[in-house]
Each structure stands twice: as structure tokens, then as C-alpha cells.
Amino acid sequence: MSLNLYYIRAAIEARTGQRLSFDKIKQYLVEEQLITEQEIKANPMAHEFAGYGRYYFYTPETKNDFTVAVPNDPKSYLNRDAREYFVEEEFDEI
């Protein structure tokens, strides 16, 4: 069985207005016997995204550290005009 916790969390949030943690979602899925613990462990989409850092690594030979830090608020890196263009309310009106 294939599942994506991000889609499941989004569906629950859209329906109930509550944003559940991934651990809570997994707990409920197992309790309702929709999936087993083994299936969760075997499914890469059943885990919270940990970033792209695992695909890049530090090599002592080249002294390169390819870890990636994702900012909490990417819009803060945009200039003022760009930030004003990407205001959330504009998307709600469409």
C-alpha cells in the first residue's frame, strides 16, 4: 500500500481544521487497521521529509559540506516589491 502523510494530513486539516502531527496520523492509521507498523516503516512516503541533506554529504577530501538548511519563512528573502506581489490575500481572491 502506498500512502503519503502530507496528503493525508492536508485532507484531515481541510475536513476538520486541525493539523495533526505525523506521529498522531500514523497512530490513528494503525489503530484503525488501515496500515501496519511494518508497512509504515517500509514506505518512504510515510515519514516526515528530512530535507535533501541525505543526498549530499561532506567529503573530507574536498572540504565540501552540501547540507541544506531550509528557512522557516522563505518570503523574507524576497525584496519588498516581490513580497508585496506574493501576498496571501491575493491568492484567496482568485
N, C-alpha and C. Protein backbone atom coordinates (compact mmCIF):
# COMPACT_ATOMS: atom_id res chain seq x y z
N MET A 1 0.84 -1.18 0.00
CA MET A 1 0.00 0.00 0.00
C MET A 1 0.88 1.24 0.00
N SER A 2 0.54 2.20 -0.81
CA SER A 2 1.28 3.45 -0.89
C SER A 2 0.48 4.55 -0.20
N LEU A 3 1.14 5.32 0.63
CA LEU A 3 0.48 6.45 1.28
C LEU A 3 1.44 7.60 1.40
N ASN A 4 0.90 8.79 1.43
CA ASN A 4 1.70 9.99 1.57
C ASN A 4 1.14 10.77 2.74
N LEU A 5 1.91 10.87 3.82
CA LEU A 5 1.42 11.53 5.03
C LEU A 5 1.08 13.00 4.81
N TYR A 6 1.76 13.64 3.88
CA TYR A 6 1.46 15.05 3.62
C TYR A 6 0.05 15.20 3.04
N TYR A 7 -0.34 14.31 2.13
CA TYR A 7 -1.68 14.35 1.56
C TYR A 7 -2.73 13.99 2.60
N ILE A 8 -2.43 13.00 3.42
CA ILE A 8 -3.37 12.60 4.46
C ILE A 8 -3.56 13.75 5.46
N ARG A 9 -2.46 14.38 5.87
CA ARG A 9 -2.56 15.50 6.82
C ARG A 9 -3.35 16.66 6.21
N ALA A 10 -3.11 16.94 4.93
CA ALA A 10 -3.84 18.02 4.27
C ALA A 10 -5.34 17.72 4.20
N ALA A 11 -5.69 16.47 3.92
CA ALA A 11 -7.10 16.09 3.85
C ALA A 11 -7.76 16.21 5.21
N ILE A 12 -7.07 15.77 6.25
CA ILE A 12 -7.63 15.88 7.61
C ILE A 12 -7.79 17.34 7.99
N GLU A 13 -6.80 18.15 7.67
CA GLU A 13 -6.84 19.58 8.01
C GLU A 13 -7.96 20.28 7.24
N ALA A 14 -8.15 19.93 5.98
CA ALA A 14 -9.22 20.55 5.18
C ALA A 14 -10.59 20.18 5.73
N ARG A 15 -10.72 18.96 6.20
CA ARG A 15 -12.02 18.48 6.68
C ARG A 15 -12.32 18.94 8.11
N THR A 16 -11.30 18.96 8.99
CA THR A 16 -11.53 19.24 10.41
C THR A 16 -10.99 20.58 10.88
N GLY A 17 -10.04 21.14 10.12
CA GLY A 17 -9.41 22.38 10.57
C GLY A 17 -8.28 22.14 11.55
N GLN A 18 -7.98 20.89 11.87
CA GLN A 18 -6.91 20.55 12.80
C GLN A 18 -5.71 20.01 12.05
N ARG A 19 -4.54 20.49 12.42
CA ARG A 19 -3.30 19.99 11.80
C ARG A 19 -2.66 19.00 12.77
N LEU A 20 -2.69 17.73 12.40
CA LEU A 20 -2.15 16.68 13.25
C LEU A 20 -0.68 16.44 12.94
N SER A 21 0.05 15.96 13.94
CA SER A 21 1.45 15.59 13.73
C SER A 21 1.49 14.27 12.96
N PHE A 22 2.62 14.02 12.32
CA PHE A 22 2.76 12.77 11.57
C PHE A 22 2.67 11.56 12.50
N ASP A 23 3.22 11.68 13.71
CA ASP A 23 3.14 10.58 14.66
C ASP A 23 1.70 10.25 15.01
N LYS A 24 0.88 11.29 15.20
CA LYS A 24 -0.53 11.09 15.53
C LYS A 24 -1.28 10.46 14.36
N ILE A 25 -0.98 10.91 13.15
CA ILE A 25 -1.63 10.34 11.96
C ILE A 25 -1.27 8.86 11.82
N LYS A 26 0.01 8.53 12.00
CA LYS A 26 0.43 7.13 11.92
C LYS A 26 -0.27 6.29 12.99
N GLN A 27 -0.37 6.86 14.19
CA GLN A 27 -1.04 6.15 15.29
C GLN A 27 -2.49 5.85 14.92
N TYR A 28 -3.19 6.83 14.38
CA TYR A 28 -4.60 6.63 14.01
C TYR A 28 -4.74 5.62 12.87
N LEU A 29 -3.84 5.68 11.89
CA LEU A 29 -3.90 4.72 10.78
C LEU A 29 -3.72 3.28 11.27
N VAL A 30 -2.80 3.10 12.19
CA VAL A 30 -2.57 1.75 12.74
C VAL A 30 -3.75 1.32 13.61
N GLU A 31 -4.26 2.25 14.45
CA GLU A 31 -5.41 1.92 15.31
C GLU A 31 -6.63 1.51 14.48
N GLU A 32 -6.85 2.16 13.37
CA GLU A 32 -8.00 1.85 12.52
C GLU A 32 -7.70 0.69 11.56
N GLN A 33 -6.52 0.10 11.70
CA GLN A 33 -6.08 -1.03 10.89
C GLN A 33 -6.09 -0.73 9.39
N LEU A 34 -5.76 0.51 9.06
CA LEU A 34 -5.65 0.90 7.66
C LEU A 34 -4.25 0.59 7.12
N ILE A 35 -3.30 0.45 8.04
CA ILE A 35 -1.92 0.14 7.68
C ILE A 35 -1.25 -0.48 8.90
N THR A 36 -0.21 -1.26 8.66
CA THR A 36 0.53 -1.88 9.77
C THR A 36 1.81 -1.10 10.04
N GLU A 37 2.39 -1.35 11.20
CA GLU A 37 3.68 -0.71 11.54
C GLU A 37 4.75 -1.08 10.52
N GLN A 38 4.75 -2.32 10.05
CA GLN A 38 5.75 -2.76 9.08
C GLN A 38 5.59 -2.01 7.76
N GLU A 39 4.35 -1.77 7.34
CA GLU A 39 4.12 -1.03 6.10
C GLU A 39 4.58 0.41 6.24
N ILE A 40 4.37 0.99 7.41
CA ILE A 40 4.82 2.37 7.65
C ILE A 40 6.34 2.44 7.55
N LYS A 41 7.03 1.50 8.18
CA LYS A 41 8.49 1.51 8.17
C LYS A 41 9.05 1.28 6.76
N ALA A 42 8.34 0.51 5.95
CA ALA A 42 8.82 0.18 4.61
C ALA A 42 8.49 1.25 3.58
N ASN A 43 7.58 2.16 3.88
CA ASN A 43 7.12 3.15 2.91
C ASN A 43 7.85 4.48 3.12
N PRO A 44 8.66 4.93 2.15
CA PRO A 44 9.39 6.18 2.31
C PRO A 44 8.48 7.41 2.39
N MET A 45 7.27 7.32 1.85
CA MET A 45 6.35 8.46 1.89
C MET A 45 5.57 8.52 3.21
N ALA A 46 5.83 7.59 4.10
CA ALA A 46 5.14 7.56 5.39
C ALA A 46 5.98 8.21 6.48
N HIS A 47 6.96 9.01 6.06
CA HIS A 47 7.84 9.67 7.02
C HIS A 47 7.91 11.15 6.69
N GLU A 48 8.17 11.93 7.73
CA GLU A 48 8.29 13.37 7.54
C GLU A 48 9.55 13.68 6.72
N PHE A 49 9.44 14.63 5.81
CA PHE A 49 10.56 15.00 4.95
C PHE A 49 11.69 15.56 5.79
N ALA A 50 12.87 15.01 5.63
CA ALA A 50 14.03 15.41 6.45
C ALA A 50 14.98 16.31 5.68
N GLY A 51 14.60 16.73 4.50
CA GLY A 51 15.46 17.60 3.71
C GLY A 51 16.28 16.83 2.69
N TYR A 52 16.98 17.56 1.87
CA TYR A 52 17.78 16.95 0.81
C TYR A 52 19.20 16.63 1.27
N GLY A 53 19.51 16.94 2.50
CA GLY A 53 20.87 16.74 3.00
C GLY A 53 21.37 15.32 2.88
N ARG A 54 20.47 14.34 2.97
CA ARG A 54 20.93 12.95 2.90
C ARG A 54 21.44 12.58 1.50
N TYR A 55 21.10 13.39 0.49
CA TYR A 55 21.58 13.12 -0.86
C TYR A 55 22.93 13.75 -1.13
N TYR A 56 23.35 14.63 -0.24
CA TYR A 56 24.65 15.30 -0.36
C TYR A 56 25.42 15.02 0.92
N PHE A 57 26.69 14.93 0.84
CA PHE A 57 27.46 14.58 2.01
C PHE A 57 28.76 15.35 2.06
N TYR A 58 29.30 15.41 3.25
CA TYR A 58 30.58 16.07 3.47
C TYR A 58 31.70 15.13 3.06
N THR A 59 32.61 15.64 2.28
CA THR A 59 33.76 14.83 1.89
C THR A 59 35.02 15.51 2.42
N PRO A 60 35.78 14.83 3.25
CA PRO A 60 37.00 15.44 3.80
C PRO A 60 38.01 15.81 2.72
N GLU A 61 37.99 15.07 1.60
CA GLU A 61 38.96 15.36 0.54
C GLU A 61 38.72 16.73 -0.10
N THR A 62 37.46 17.06 -0.31
CA THR A 62 37.15 18.33 -0.98
C THR A 62 36.74 19.43 0.00
N LYS A 63 36.53 19.06 1.25
CA LYS A 63 36.10 20.01 2.30
C LYS A 63 34.75 20.65 1.96
N ASN A 64 33.91 19.94 1.20
CA ASN A 64 32.60 20.47 0.85
C ASN A 64 31.54 19.91 1.78
N ASP A 65 30.72 20.80 2.28
CA ASP A 65 29.59 20.38 3.11
C ASP A 65 28.34 20.80 2.34
N PHE A 66 27.58 19.82 1.85
CA PHE A 66 26.44 20.10 0.99
C PHE A 66 25.11 20.07 1.74
N THR A 67 25.14 20.17 3.07
CA THR A 67 23.88 20.15 3.80
C THR A 67 23.09 21.41 3.46
N VAL A 68 21.77 21.28 3.50
CA VAL A 68 20.88 22.36 3.10
C VAL A 68 19.98 22.73 4.27
N ALA A 69 19.94 24.00 4.60
CA ALA A 69 19.03 24.48 5.64
C ALA A 69 17.90 25.24 4.94
N VAL A 70 16.66 24.83 5.19
CA VAL A 70 15.51 25.48 4.59
C VAL A 70 14.97 26.50 5.59
N PRO A 71 14.86 27.77 5.20
CA PRO A 71 14.37 28.79 6.14
C PRO A 71 12.89 28.59 6.45
N ASN A 72 12.48 29.03 7.63
CA ASN A 72 11.07 28.94 8.02
C ASN A 72 10.19 29.85 7.18
N ASP A 73 10.71 31.00 6.81
CA ASP A 73 9.92 31.97 6.05
C ASP A 73 10.69 32.38 4.80
N PRO A 74 10.58 31.60 3.71
CA PRO A 74 11.35 31.92 2.50
C PRO A 74 11.01 33.28 1.91
N LYS A 75 9.78 33.77 2.14
CA LYS A 75 9.40 35.08 1.58
C LYS A 75 10.25 36.21 2.15
N SER A 76 10.82 36.00 3.34
CA SER A 76 11.62 37.06 3.95
C SER A 76 12.88 37.37 3.14
N TYR A 77 13.26 36.47 2.24
CA TYR A 77 14.45 36.68 1.41
C TYR A 77 14.13 37.45 0.13
N LEU A 78 12.85 37.71 -0.13
CA LEU A 78 12.47 38.46 -1.32
C LEU A 78 12.57 39.95 -1.03
N ASN A 79 12.78 40.74 -2.08
CA ASN A 79 12.77 42.18 -1.86
C ASN A 79 11.34 42.66 -1.63
N ARG A 80 11.18 43.89 -1.20
CA ARG A 80 9.87 44.42 -0.80
C ARG A 80 8.83 44.29 -1.90
N ASP A 81 9.18 44.63 -3.14
CA ASP A 81 8.22 44.56 -4.25
C ASP A 81 7.76 43.13 -4.49
N ALA A 82 8.68 42.20 -4.44
CA ALA A 82 8.32 40.79 -4.64
C ALA A 82 7.45 40.29 -3.51
N ARG A 83 7.76 40.69 -2.26
CA ARG A 83 6.94 40.27 -1.12
C ARG A 83 5.51 40.77 -1.28
N GLU A 84 5.36 42.02 -1.71
CA GLU A 84 4.02 42.58 -1.89
C GLU A 84 3.26 41.85 -2.98
N TYR A 85 3.96 41.35 -3.99
CA TYR A 85 3.32 40.60 -5.07
C TYR A 85 2.79 39.26 -4.58
N PHE A 86 3.50 38.64 -3.65
CA PHE A 86 3.13 37.31 -3.17
C PHE A 86 2.36 37.38 -1.85
N VAL A 87 1.45 38.29 -1.73
CA VAL A 87 0.63 38.40 -0.51
C VAL A 87 -0.44 37.32 -0.56
N GLU A 88 -0.64 36.63 0.56
CA GLU A 88 -1.59 35.51 0.63
C GLU A 88 -3.00 35.92 0.20
N GLU A 89 -3.46 37.10 0.58
CA GLU A 89 -4.82 37.52 0.27
C GLU A 89 -5.08 37.58 -1.24
N GLU A 90 -4.06 37.88 -2.01
CA GLU A 90 -4.23 37.95 -3.46
C GLU A 90 -4.64 36.59 -4.02
N PHE A 91 -4.11 35.51 -3.46
CA PHE A 91 -4.42 34.19 -3.95
C PHE A 91 -5.83 33.79 -3.54
N ASP A 92 -6.31 34.28 -2.38
CA ASP A 92 -7.65 33.94 -1.94
C ASP A 92 -8.74 34.57 -2.80
N GLU A 93 -8.43 35.71 -3.42
CA GLU A 93 -9.43 36.42 -4.22
C GLU A 93 -9.67 35.77 -5.59
N ILE A 94 -8.73 35.01 -6.07
CA ILE A 94 -8.83 34.42 -7.42
C ILE A 94 -9.85 33.34 -7.47
